[in-house]
Amino acid sequence: MFLQNTSVLGKKMTDSEREEFVYDLANHFLSNTSKSGILAMAIDRVCDILLRKSDEELEAIAPSCLLVVPQKTKDKRKKAKPKGF
């Protein structure tokens, strides 16, 4: 992994230089990150991508085990009250 600054005193990088530099930079940041941190970043990135999709697209790609629970159903759920000894 080589972290070289491909921008020279205000000159813009080409698209391929920029892409390679961004890749090297991301690789540098993630090399010092824990597995759980990388997983959290991946989940966050996938959420960003999925939020751009329509409801119909989300329902089409979702596995059958995932259901959309309406807010009314969530509100009606009984909350467990703690019991004493």
Protein backbone atom coordinates (compact mmCIF):
# COMPACT_ATOMS: atom_id res chain seq x y z
CA MET A 1 0.00 0.00 0.00
CA PHE A 2 1.49 3.29 -1.08
CA LEU A 3 0.03 6.54 0.18
CA GLN A 4 1.34 9.03 -2.27
CA ASN A 5 -0.10 12.46 -2.76
CA THR A 6 -0.92 12.52 -6.47
CA SER A 7 -1.96 16.17 -6.34
CA VAL A 8 0.97 18.47 -6.99
CA LEU A 9 0.59 22.04 -5.71
CA GLY A 10 -2.97 22.65 -6.78
CA LYS A 11 -2.94 20.57 -9.96
CA LYS A 12 -5.95 18.31 -10.18
CA MET A 13 -5.61 14.55 -10.23
CA THR A 14 -6.87 12.58 -13.20
CA ASP A 15 -9.90 10.39 -12.59
CA SER A 16 -7.78 7.24 -12.45
CA GLU A 17 -5.22 8.85 -10.11
CA ARG A 18 -8.03 10.05 -7.84
CA GLU A 19 -9.70 6.62 -7.81
CA GLU A 20 -6.40 4.92 -6.93
CA PHE A 21 -5.62 7.51 -4.23
CA VAL A 22 -9.07 7.13 -2.67
CA TYR A 23 -8.67 3.34 -2.66
CA ASP A 24 -5.24 3.61 -0.97
CA LEU A 25 -6.62 6.07 1.58
CA ALA A 26 -9.61 3.84 2.41
CA ASN A 27 -7.30 0.84 2.68
CA HIS A 28 -5.06 2.79 5.09
CA PHE A 29 -7.99 3.82 7.31
CA LEU A 30 -9.45 0.31 7.42
CA SER A 31 -6.15 -1.44 8.09
CA ASN A 32 -6.22 0.00 11.62
CA THR A 33 -9.92 -0.68 12.23
CA SER A 34 -11.32 -3.64 14.16
CA LYS A 35 -13.51 -6.25 12.46
CA SER A 36 -16.55 -4.95 14.30
CA GLY A 37 -15.75 -1.42 13.15
CA ILE A 38 -15.46 -2.57 9.55
CA LEU A 39 -18.78 -4.42 9.87
CA ALA A 40 -20.43 -1.28 11.26
CA MET A 41 -19.09 0.78 8.34
CA ALA A 42 -20.30 -1.81 5.85
CA ILE A 43 -23.79 -1.88 7.38
CA ASP A 44 -23.91 1.91 7.33
CA ARG A 45 -22.87 1.99 3.66
CA VAL A 46 -25.45 -0.65 2.66
CA CYS A 47 -28.13 1.32 4.55
CA ASP A 48 -27.17 4.45 2.57
CA ILE A 49 -27.55 2.51 -0.68
CA LEU A 50 -30.87 0.90 0.34
CA LEU A 51 -32.37 4.23 1.48
CA ARG A 52 -32.22 5.43 -2.14
CA LYS A 53 -34.51 2.61 -3.28
CA SER A 54 -38.30 2.80 -3.41
CA ASP A 55 -40.52 0.84 -1.03
CA GLU A 56 -41.43 -1.55 -3.84
CA GLU A 57 -37.77 -2.22 -4.66
CA LEU A 58 -36.99 -2.86 -0.99
CA GLU A 59 -39.87 -5.30 -0.66
CA ALA A 60 -38.81 -7.07 -3.86
CA ILE A 61 -35.23 -7.67 -2.69
CA ALA A 62 -36.08 -8.51 0.93
CA PRO A 63 -36.00 -12.14 2.02
CA SER A 64 -39.34 -13.71 2.89
CA CYS A 65 -38.44 -13.84 6.60
CA LEU A 66 -38.42 -10.02 6.84
CA LEU A 67 -41.76 -8.30 7.26
CA VAL A 68 -42.71 -4.64 7.43
CA VAL A 69 -44.41 -4.09 10.80
CA PRO A 70 -46.84 -1.15 10.70
CA GLN A 71 -46.41 1.48 13.41
CA LYS A 72 -49.96 0.80 14.69
CA THR A 73 -48.95 -2.78 15.44
CA LYS A 74 -45.85 -1.59 17.24
CA ASP A 75 -47.90 0.82 19.34
CA LYS A 76 -50.39 -1.90 20.36
CA ARG A 77 -47.74 -4.28 21.64
CA LYS A 78 -47.88 -4.84 25.37
CA LYS A 79 -44.77 -3.78 27.12
CA ALA A 80 -43.52 -6.19 29.72
CA LYS A 81 -43.68 -4.72 33.19
CA PRO A 82 -40.99 -5.77 35.62
CA LYS A 83 -42.19 -7.97 38.49
CA GLY A 84 -40.84 -7.94 41.98
CA PHE A 85 -39.27 -10.78 43.90
